[in-house]
Protein backbone atom coordinates (compact mmCIF):
# COMPACT_ATOMS: atom_id res chain seq x y z
CA MET A 1 -307.12 13.33 -37.26
CA PHE A 2 -307.17 17.12 -37.55
CA GLN A 3 -305.77 18.77 -34.45
CA ASN A 4 -307.86 21.54 -32.92
CA LEU A 5 -310.52 21.40 -35.66
CA GLU A 6 -313.18 22.49 -33.16
CA TYR A 7 -311.12 25.52 -32.13
CA THR A 8 -310.58 26.39 -35.79
CA THR A 9 -314.32 26.13 -36.36
CA GLY A 10 -315.08 28.43 -33.44
CA ALA A 11 -312.54 31.02 -34.58
CA LEU A 12 -313.90 30.93 -38.13
CA LEU A 13 -317.45 31.32 -36.85
CA LEU A 14 -316.41 34.51 -35.07
CA ALA A 15 -314.64 35.66 -38.25
CA PHE A 16 -317.81 35.09 -40.30
CA VAL A 17 -319.86 37.13 -37.82
CA PHE A 18 -317.41 40.03 -37.68
CA ASP A 19 -316.97 40.01 -41.45
CA ALA A 20 -320.73 40.37 -41.82
CA LEU A 21 -320.98 43.15 -39.24
CA ASP A 22 -317.87 45.30 -39.77
CA GLY A 23 -319.14 47.19 -42.82
CA TRP A 24 -322.56 47.70 -41.25
CA ALA A 25 -320.99 48.99 -38.03
CA ALA A 26 -318.70 51.38 -39.94
CA ARG A 27 -321.64 52.85 -41.85
CA LYS A 28 -323.73 53.22 -38.69
CA LEU A 29 -320.88 54.96 -36.87
CA GLY A 30 -320.11 57.17 -39.87
CA VAL A 31 -316.50 56.02 -40.14
CA SER A 32 -316.65 54.18 -43.46
CA GLY A 33 -314.12 55.21 -46.09
CA GLU A 34 -311.50 54.12 -48.60
CA LEU A 35 -309.02 53.16 -45.87
CA GLY A 36 -311.61 50.93 -44.23
CA VAL A 37 -312.25 49.16 -47.53
CA HIS A 38 -308.56 48.28 -47.90
CA LEU A 39 -308.20 47.26 -44.24
CA ASP A 40 -311.25 45.04 -44.62
CA SER A 41 -309.67 43.35 -47.64
CA LEU A 42 -306.41 42.89 -45.73
CA ALA A 43 -308.28 41.23 -42.87
CA ASP A 44 -310.16 39.04 -45.35
CA ALA A 45 -306.91 38.08 -47.09
CA ILE A 46 -305.56 36.77 -43.79
CA THR A 47 -308.73 35.19 -42.40
CA PHE A 48 -310.19 33.82 -45.63
CA GLY A 49 -306.99 33.51 -47.66
CA VAL A 50 -304.02 32.53 -45.51
CA VAL A 51 -306.01 30.47 -42.99
CA PRO A 52 -307.70 28.35 -45.72
CA GLY A 53 -304.23 27.80 -47.20
CA PHE A 54 -303.17 26.14 -43.95
CA MET A 55 -306.42 24.16 -43.92
CA TRP A 56 -305.90 22.89 -47.48
CA MET A 57 -302.31 21.99 -46.60
CA GLN A 58 -303.40 19.96 -43.58
CA LEU A 59 -306.16 18.28 -45.59
CA ALA A 60 -303.62 17.41 -48.31
CA MET A 61 -301.24 15.80 -45.81
CA TRP A 62 -304.03 13.60 -44.50
CA MET A 63 -305.40 12.64 -47.92
CA ASN A 64 -301.84 11.91 -49.11
CA THR A 65 -301.33 9.27 -46.40
CA GLY A 66 -300.25 6.06 -48.07
CA TYR A 67 -299.58 7.79 -51.38
CA SER A 68 -296.47 9.49 -52.71
CA TRP A 69 -297.59 12.87 -54.06
CA PRO A 70 -295.00 15.07 -52.27
CA ALA A 71 -296.14 18.34 -53.89
CA LEU A 72 -299.76 17.93 -52.81
CA PRO A 73 -299.64 20.02 -49.58
CA VAL A 74 -297.92 22.91 -51.41
CA LEU A 75 -300.69 23.05 -54.00
CA GLY A 76 -303.16 24.01 -51.27
CA TRP A 77 -301.64 27.47 -51.18
CA ALA A 78 -303.09 28.14 -54.63
CA VAL A 79 -306.30 28.98 -52.79
CA THR A 80 -304.49 31.74 -50.88
CA LEU A 81 -303.21 33.29 -54.12
CA ALA A 82 -306.64 33.03 -55.75
CA SER A 83 -308.27 34.61 -52.68
CA VAL A 84 -305.89 37.58 -52.66
CA TYR A 85 -306.45 38.09 -56.39
CA ARG A 86 -310.22 37.97 -55.89
CA LEU A 87 -310.09 40.57 -53.13
CA ALA A 88 -307.99 42.88 -55.32
CA ARG A 89 -310.48 42.43 -58.18
CA PHE A 90 -313.36 43.18 -55.84
CA ASN A 91 -311.90 46.50 -54.76
CA SER A 92 -311.14 47.57 -58.32
CA VAL A 93 -313.91 46.25 -60.55
CA MET A 94 -316.55 44.34 -58.56
CA LYS A 95 -317.41 46.55 -55.60
CA ASP A 96 -320.56 47.93 -57.30
CA TYR A 97 -321.72 44.53 -58.59
CA PRO A 98 -325.26 43.78 -57.23
CA GLY A 99 -324.39 40.48 -55.57
CA PHE A 100 -321.36 38.24 -55.86
CA MET A 101 -319.45 37.27 -58.98
CA GLY A 102 -317.50 34.14 -58.22
CA MET A 103 -317.42 32.43 -54.85
CA PRO A 104 -316.88 34.81 -51.90
CA THR A 105 -313.81 34.03 -49.82
CA PRO A 106 -315.82 33.29 -46.62
CA ALA A 107 -317.98 30.76 -48.50
CA ASN A 108 -314.87 29.20 -50.01
CA THR A 109 -313.41 28.87 -46.51
CA ALA A 110 -316.62 27.18 -45.35
CA PHE A 111 -316.23 24.73 -48.26
CA VAL A 112 -312.79 23.51 -47.15
CA LEU A 113 -313.99 23.38 -43.53
CA GLY A 114 -316.77 21.08 -44.67
CA LEU A 115 -314.26 18.91 -46.53
CA MET A 116 -312.17 18.56 -43.38
CA TYR A 117 -315.19 17.40 -41.39
CA ALA A 118 -316.18 15.04 -44.21
CA ALA A 119 -312.67 13.56 -44.31
CA GLN A 120 -312.58 13.21 -40.54
CA ALA A 121 -315.91 11.35 -40.58
CA GLU A 122 -314.72 9.24 -43.55
CA LEU A 123 -317.66 10.43 -45.65
CA ILE A 124 -315.37 10.94 -48.65
CA PRO A 125 -312.52 8.83 -50.06
CA LEU A 126 -309.14 9.88 -48.69
CA HIS A 127 -307.34 10.03 -52.02
CA PRO A 128 -305.10 12.73 -53.56
CA ALA A 129 -307.16 12.73 -56.77
CA LEU A 130 -310.27 13.84 -54.87
CA PHE A 131 -308.22 16.52 -53.15
CA LEU A 132 -307.08 17.87 -56.53
CA VAL A 133 -310.63 17.95 -57.91
CA ALA A 134 -311.88 19.86 -54.85
CA LEU A 135 -308.87 22.21 -54.94
CA ILE A 136 -309.33 23.01 -58.64
CA TRP A 137 -313.00 23.78 -58.03
CA SER A 138 -312.11 26.00 -55.08
CA VAL A 139 -309.47 27.98 -56.99
CA TYR A 140 -311.64 28.30 -60.10
CA SER A 141 -314.79 29.32 -58.26
CA LEU A 142 -313.13 32.24 -56.46
CA ASN A 143 -312.56 34.17 -59.69
CA ALA A 144 -315.17 32.60 -61.96
CA ARG A 145 -317.63 34.74 -63.92
CA PHE A 146 -320.79 33.11 -62.58
CA GLY A 147 -323.09 34.81 -60.09
CA VAL A 148 -323.44 33.57 -56.52
CA ALA A 149 -326.57 34.17 -54.46
CA SER A 150 -326.21 36.74 -51.69
CA LEU A 151 -328.42 38.69 -49.31
CA LYS A 152 -327.77 41.86 -51.33
CA ASP A 153 -329.58 40.51 -54.39
CA SER A 154 -332.27 38.51 -52.60
CA PRO A 155 -335.67 38.56 -54.40
CA ILE A 156 -338.40 40.54 -52.67
CA SER A 157 -341.34 38.13 -52.86
CA TRP A 158 -341.40 34.74 -51.14
CA THR A 159 -342.44 33.14 -54.43
CA ASP A 160 -339.28 34.41 -56.11
CA ARG A 161 -337.24 33.10 -53.21
CA ARG A 162 -338.31 29.52 -53.86
CA PHE A 163 -334.92 28.43 -55.18
CA ARG A 164 -333.15 29.86 -52.13
CA LEU A 165 -335.66 28.23 -49.82
CA ALA A 166 -335.09 24.93 -51.62
CA TRP A 167 -331.34 25.36 -51.13
CA LEU A 168 -331.92 26.12 -47.45
CA ALA A 169 -334.08 23.01 -47.04
CA VAL A 170 -331.51 20.78 -48.76
CA SER A 171 -328.70 22.31 -46.69
CA LEU A 172 -330.54 21.83 -43.39
CA ALA A 173 -331.31 18.21 -44.30
CA ALA A 174 -327.63 17.65 -45.11
CA PHE A 175 -326.62 19.26 -41.81
CA ALA A 176 -329.02 16.95 -39.97
CA PHE A 177 -327.30 13.89 -41.47
CA TRP A 178 -323.68 14.99 -41.81
CA GLY A 179 -323.16 17.95 -39.47
CA LEU A 180 -320.64 20.54 -40.61
CA ALA A 181 -319.47 18.19 -43.36
CA ALA A 182 -322.61 19.36 -45.19
CA LEU A 183 -320.82 22.64 -45.95
CA ALA A 184 -318.91 20.75 -48.64
CA VAL A 185 -322.26 20.21 -50.39
CA ALA A 186 -324.17 23.39 -49.50
CA VAL A 187 -321.52 25.86 -50.69
CA PRO A 188 -321.02 24.49 -54.23
CA LEU A 189 -324.80 24.59 -54.73
CA LEU A 190 -324.90 28.40 -54.41
CA PRO A 191 -323.91 29.15 -58.04
CA PHE A 192 -326.62 26.76 -59.25
CA ILE A 193 -329.21 28.68 -57.22
CA SER A 194 -328.11 31.90 -58.92
CA ALA A 195 -328.25 30.22 -62.33
CA LEU A 196 -331.80 29.01 -61.68
CA GLU A 197 -332.88 32.47 -60.54
CA LYS A 198 -331.34 34.06 -63.61
CA ARG A 199 -333.05 31.56 -65.88
CA PHE A 200 -336.54 31.48 -64.39
CA LEU A 201 -337.08 34.78 -62.52
């Protein structure tokens, strides 16, 4: 169905690892600075903005099979525009925010990757309407005003981490049943974890 999905997954896994380590490595080596911040955002715009645009386009072409929604693949690029806007916002107004506001671009990329695996395994209906619902959520979540759980704002005590541990347990159970398709469920749950922590902790 999707050509080279395994290779795409491997490349994205490496991108996730390097995205997590680049800032840490720069600080350890004493080479962090304003230029590095902008280069990091440029790399993120390509890896977690342009690449997901291609992924949404390919997903749209598959889910449009048998239907006549010719503009559907083009709409996938709205995620690229929303990702670039988010990264610009982050550098200007969100860089000191203690956590994430809106869905981070790597998590959003993991969401569409999960959708592709779910579509390939026929775990979801292959219909343009479902594609549009998922796309609208993806675009909205990138620049939404809700908090998203991150390691930076993780509670100190294990008791206060109960909502995150519950999310981890649900995610692992989903992975056991559905493999990487579970990303399409695990990622959208992150804002709800933050909402529960804000309400009860």
